[in-house]
Amino acid sequence: MAEKHTADRAEIMRATGHPELEYAAGWTIAGLVTIGTIVAAWVFAI
C-alpha cells in the first residue's frame, strides 16, 4: 500500500535542490563568460 505524503506534489518538486548554490554557480559562470569575452576581444583586437 502506498504511503501518503503531507505535502502536495508541487511543494515536493519545489523543495529539491540548493537555490543558494545554483544562484552562486550561475553568477560565477556568467562572470567567467564575460571575462572570457573581454579577453577574446582584446587578444583578437575585435
PDB file of N, CA and C in Angstrom:
ATOM      1  N   MET A   1       0.834  -1.176   0.000  1.00  0.00           N
ATOM      2  CA  MET A   1       0.000   0.000   0.000  1.00  0.00           C
ATOM      3  C   MET A   1       0.889   1.253   0.000  1.00  0.00           C
ATOM      4  N   ALA A   2       0.564   2.225  -0.807  1.00  0.00           N
ATOM      5  CA  ALA A   2       1.363   3.439  -0.937  1.00  0.00           C
ATOM      6  C   ALA A   2       1.170   4.344   0.276  1.00  0.00           C
ATOM      7  N   GLU A   3       2.264   5.004   0.659  1.00  0.00           N
ATOM      8  CA  GLU A   3       2.187   5.952   1.776  1.00  0.00           C
ATOM      9  C   GLU A   3       1.688   7.305   1.288  1.00  0.00           C
ATOM     10  N   LYS A   4       1.003   8.007   2.147  1.00  0.00           N
ATOM     11  CA  LYS A   4       0.507   9.345   1.829  1.00  0.00           C
ATOM     12  C   LYS A   4       1.508  10.384   2.328  1.00  0.00           C
ATOM     13  N   HIS A   5       1.779  11.374   1.516  1.00  0.00           N
ATOM     14  CA  HIS A   5       2.655  12.476   1.904  1.00  0.00           C
ATOM     15  C   HIS A   5       1.803  13.636   2.411  1.00  0.00           C
ATOM     16  N   THR A   6       2.353  14.365   3.383  1.00  0.00           N
ATOM     17  CA  THR A   6       1.612  15.511   3.897  1.00  0.00           C
ATOM     18  C   THR A   6       1.707  16.713   2.963  1.00  0.00           C
ATOM     19  N   ALA A   7       2.799  16.800   2.196  1.00  0.00           N
ATOM     20  CA  ALA A   7       2.968  17.917   1.261  1.00  0.00           C
ATOM     21  C   ALA A   7       2.370  17.536  -0.093  1.00  0.00           C
ATOM     22  N   ASP A   8       1.893  18.536  -0.817  1.00  0.00           N
ATOM     23  CA  ASP A   8       1.378  18.246  -2.150  1.00  0.00           C
ATOM     24  C   ASP A   8       2.543  18.091  -3.135  1.00  0.00           C
ATOM     25  N   ARG A   9       2.246  17.593  -4.313  1.00  0.00           N
ATOM     26  CA  ARG A   9       3.280  17.270  -5.303  1.00  0.00           C
ATOM     27  C   ARG A   9       4.085  18.498  -5.713  1.00  0.00           C
ATOM     28  N   ALA A  10       3.451  19.665  -5.867  1.00  0.00           N
ATOM     29  CA  ALA A  10       4.160  20.873  -6.288  1.00  0.00           C
ATOM     30  C   ALA A  10       5.176  21.300  -5.235  1.00  0.00           C
ATOM     31  N   GLU A  11       4.836  21.165  -3.970  1.00  0.00           N
ATOM     32  CA  GLU A  11       5.764  21.556  -2.915  1.00  0.00           C
ATOM     33  C   GLU A  11       6.949  20.608  -2.842  1.00  0.00           C
ATOM     34  N   ILE A  12       6.719  19.343  -3.080  1.00  0.00           N
ATOM     35  CA  ILE A  12       7.819  18.380  -3.083  1.00  0.00           C
ATOM     36  C   ILE A  12       8.791  18.710  -4.212  1.00  0.00           C
ATOM     37  N   MET A  13       8.277  19.034  -5.391  1.00  0.00           N
ATOM     38  CA  MET A  13       9.141  19.362  -6.524  1.00  0.00           C
ATOM     39  C   MET A  13       9.904  20.659  -6.279  1.00  0.00           C
ATOM     40  N   ARG A  14       9.277  21.627  -5.642  1.00  0.00           N
ATOM     41  CA  ARG A  14       9.897  22.923  -5.402  1.00  0.00           C
ATOM     42  C   ARG A  14      11.006  22.827  -4.357  1.00  0.00           C
ATOM     43  N   ALA A  15      10.937  21.858  -3.452  1.00  0.00           N
ATOM     44  CA  ALA A  15      11.871  21.768  -2.337  1.00  0.00           C
ATOM     45  C   ALA A  15      13.193  21.102  -2.709  1.00  0.00           C
ATOM     46  N   THR A  16      13.317  20.591  -3.914  1.00  0.00           N
ATOM     47  CA  THR A  16      14.545  19.902  -4.290  1.00  0.00           C
ATOM     48  C   THR A  16      15.604  20.904  -4.710  1.00  0.00           C
ATOM     49  N   GLY A  17      16.865  20.550  -4.499  1.00  0.00           N
ATOM     50  CA  GLY A  17      17.978  21.390  -4.927  1.00  0.00           C
ATOM     51  C   GLY A  17      18.419  22.362  -3.848  1.00  0.00           C
ATOM     52  N   HIS A  18      19.457  23.117  -4.183  1.00  0.00           N
ATOM     53  CA  HIS A  18      20.028  24.112  -3.286  1.00  0.00           C
ATOM     54  C   HIS A  18      20.040  25.452  -4.010  1.00  0.00           C
ATOM     55  N   PRO A  19      19.042  26.289  -3.790  1.00  0.00           N
ATOM     56  CA  PRO A  19      18.948  27.534  -4.552  1.00  0.00           C
ATOM     57  C   PRO A  19      20.145  28.460  -4.358  1.00  0.00           C
ATOM     58  N   GLU A  20      20.764  28.464  -3.164  1.00  0.00           N
ATOM     59  CA  GLU A  20      21.916  29.341  -2.946  1.00  0.00           C
ATOM     60  C   GLU A  20      23.087  28.908  -3.832  1.00  0.00           C
ATOM     61  N   LEU A  21      23.317  27.607  -3.923  1.00  0.00           N
ATOM     62  CA  LEU A  21      24.420  27.115  -4.750  1.00  0.00           C
ATOM     63  C   LEU A  21      24.148  27.355  -6.225  1.00  0.00           C
ATOM     64  N   GLU A  22      22.903  27.165  -6.643  1.00  0.00           N
ATOM     65  CA  GLU A  22      22.561  27.402  -8.046  1.00  0.00           C
ATOM     66  C   GLU A  22      22.722  28.877  -8.394  1.00  0.00           C
ATOM     67  N   TYR A  23      22.331  29.755  -7.481  1.00  0.00           N
ATOM     68  CA  TYR A  23      22.468  31.191  -7.692  1.00  0.00           C
ATOM     69  C   TYR A  23      23.941  31.571  -7.823  1.00  0.00           C
ATOM     70  N   ALA A  24      24.768  31.077  -6.899  1.00  0.00           N
ATOM     71  CA  ALA A  24      26.199  31.384  -6.933  1.00  0.00           C
ATOM     72  C   ALA A  24      26.859  30.809  -8.183  1.00  0.00           C
ATOM     73  N   ALA A  25      26.487  29.590  -8.555  1.00  0.00           N
ATOM     74  CA  ALA A  25      27.064  28.972  -9.749  1.00  0.00           C
ATOM     75  C   ALA A  25      26.675  29.746 -11.000  1.00  0.00           C
ATOM     76  N   GLY A  26      25.449  30.203 -11.061  1.00  0.00           N
ATOM     77  CA  GLY A  26      25.009  30.982 -12.220  1.00  0.00           C
ATOM     78  C   GLY A  26      25.782  32.272 -12.373  1.00  0.00           C
ATOM     79  N   TRP A  27      25.974  32.992 -11.271  1.00  0.00           N
ATOM     80  CA  TRP A  27      26.741  34.235 -11.328  1.00  0.00           C
ATOM     81  C   TRP A  27      28.208  33.965 -11.644  1.00  0.00           C
ATOM     82  N   THR A  28      28.754  32.866 -11.132  1.00  0.00           N
ATOM     83  CA  THR A  28      30.153  32.527 -11.422  1.00  0.00           C
ATOM     84  C   THR A  28      30.333  32.231 -12.905  1.00  0.00           C
ATOM     85  N   ILE A  29      29.441  31.434 -13.467  1.00  0.00           N
ATOM     86  CA  ILE A  29      29.529  31.106 -14.894  1.00  0.00           C
ATOM     87  C   ILE A  29      29.354  32.355 -15.739  1.00  0.00           C
ATOM     88  N   ALA A  30      28.397  33.204 -15.375  1.00  0.00           N
ATOM     89  CA  ALA A  30      28.180  34.438 -16.136  1.00  0.00           C
ATOM     90  C   ALA A  30      29.411  35.340 -16.069  1.00  0.00           C
ATOM     91  N   GLY A  31      30.028  35.423 -14.905  1.00  0.00           N
ATOM     92  CA  GLY A  31      31.235  36.241 -14.762  1.00  0.00           C
ATOM     93  C   GLY A  31      32.384  35.704 -15.589  1.00  0.00           C
ATOM     94  N   LEU A  32      32.572  34.390 -15.579  1.00  0.00           N
ATOM     95  CA  LEU A  32      33.656  33.796 -16.359  1.00  0.00           C
ATOM     96  C   LEU A  32      33.430  33.979 -17.859  1.00  0.00           C
ATOM     97  N   VAL A  33      32.195  33.853 -18.298  1.00  0.00           N
ATOM     98  CA  VAL A  33      31.891  34.069 -19.723  1.00  0.00           C
ATOM     99  C   VAL A  33      32.160  35.515 -20.108  1.00  0.00           C
ATOM    100  N   THR A  34      31.798  36.452 -19.234  1.00  0.00           N
ATOM    101  CA  THR A  34      32.039  37.868 -19.510  1.00  0.00           C
ATOM    102  C   THR A  34      33.533  38.153 -19.605  1.00  0.00           C
ATOM    103  N   ILE A  35      34.299  37.647 -18.648  1.00  0.00           N
ATOM    104  CA  ILE A  35      35.757  37.858 -18.674  1.00  0.00           C
ATOM    105  C   ILE A  35      36.355  37.207 -19.916  1.00  0.00           C
ATOM    106  N   GLY A  36      35.880  35.998 -20.246  1.00  0.00           N
ATOM    107  CA  GLY A  36      36.386  35.325 -21.450  1.00  0.00           C
ATOM    108  C   GLY A  36      36.090  36.104 -22.715  1.00  0.00           C
ATOM    109  N   THR A  37      34.932  36.721 -22.795  1.00  0.00           N
ATOM    110  CA  THR A  37      34.577  37.532 -23.960  1.00  0.00           C
ATOM    111  C   THR A  37      35.466  38.759 -24.055  1.00  0.00           C
ATOM    112  N   ILE A  38      35.715  39.411 -22.926  1.00  0.00           N
ATOM    113  CA  ILE A  38      36.582  40.603 -22.918  1.00  0.00           C
ATOM    114  C   ILE A  38      38.008  40.229 -23.323  1.00  0.00           C
ATOM    115  N   VAL A  39      38.512  39.124 -22.785  1.00  0.00           N
ATOM    116  CA  VAL A  39      39.879  38.693 -23.133  1.00  0.00           C
ATOM    117  C   VAL A  39      39.963  38.314 -24.608  1.00  0.00           C
ATOM    118  N   ALA A  40      38.967  37.605 -25.122  1.00  0.00           N
ATOM    119  CA  ALA A  40      38.977  37.236 -26.540  1.00  0.00           C
ATOM    120  C   ALA A  40      38.940  38.475 -27.431  1.00  0.00           C
ATOM    121  N   ALA A  41      38.133  39.460 -27.073  1.00  0.00           N
ATOM    122  CA  ALA A  41      38.066  40.689 -27.862  1.00  0.00           C
ATOM    123  C   ALA A  41      39.399  41.428 -27.809  1.00  0.00           C
ATOM    124  N   TRP A  42      40.050  41.392 -26.667  1.00  0.00           N
ATOM    125  CA  TRP A  42      41.344  42.076 -26.512  1.00  0.00           C
ATOM    126  C   TRP A  42      42.429  41.359 -27.319  1.00  0.00           C
ATOM    127  N   VAL A  43      42.477  40.018 -27.210  1.00  0.00           N
ATOM    128  CA  VAL A  43      43.519  39.237 -27.893  1.00  0.00           C
ATOM    129  C   VAL A  43      43.359  39.325 -29.410  1.00  0.00           C
ATOM    130  N   PHE A  44      42.136  39.212 -29.886  1.00  0.00           N
ATOM    131  CA  PHE A  44      41.911  39.228 -31.338  1.00  0.00           C
ATOM    132  C   PHE A  44      41.637  40.618 -31.879  1.00  0.00           C
ATOM    133  N   ALA A  45      41.715  41.622 -31.017  1.00  0.00           N
ATOM    134  CA  ALA A  45      41.525  43.026 -31.397  1.00  0.00           C
ATOM    135  C   ALA A  45      40.249  43.216 -32.218  1.00  0.00           C
ATOM    136  N   ILE A  46      39.160  42.662 -31.715  1.00  0.00           N
ATOM    137  CA  ILE A  46      37.880  42.770 -32.418  1.00  0.00           C
ATOM    138  C   ILE A  46      37.298  44.149 -32.173  1.00  0.00           C
TER     139      ILE A  46
END
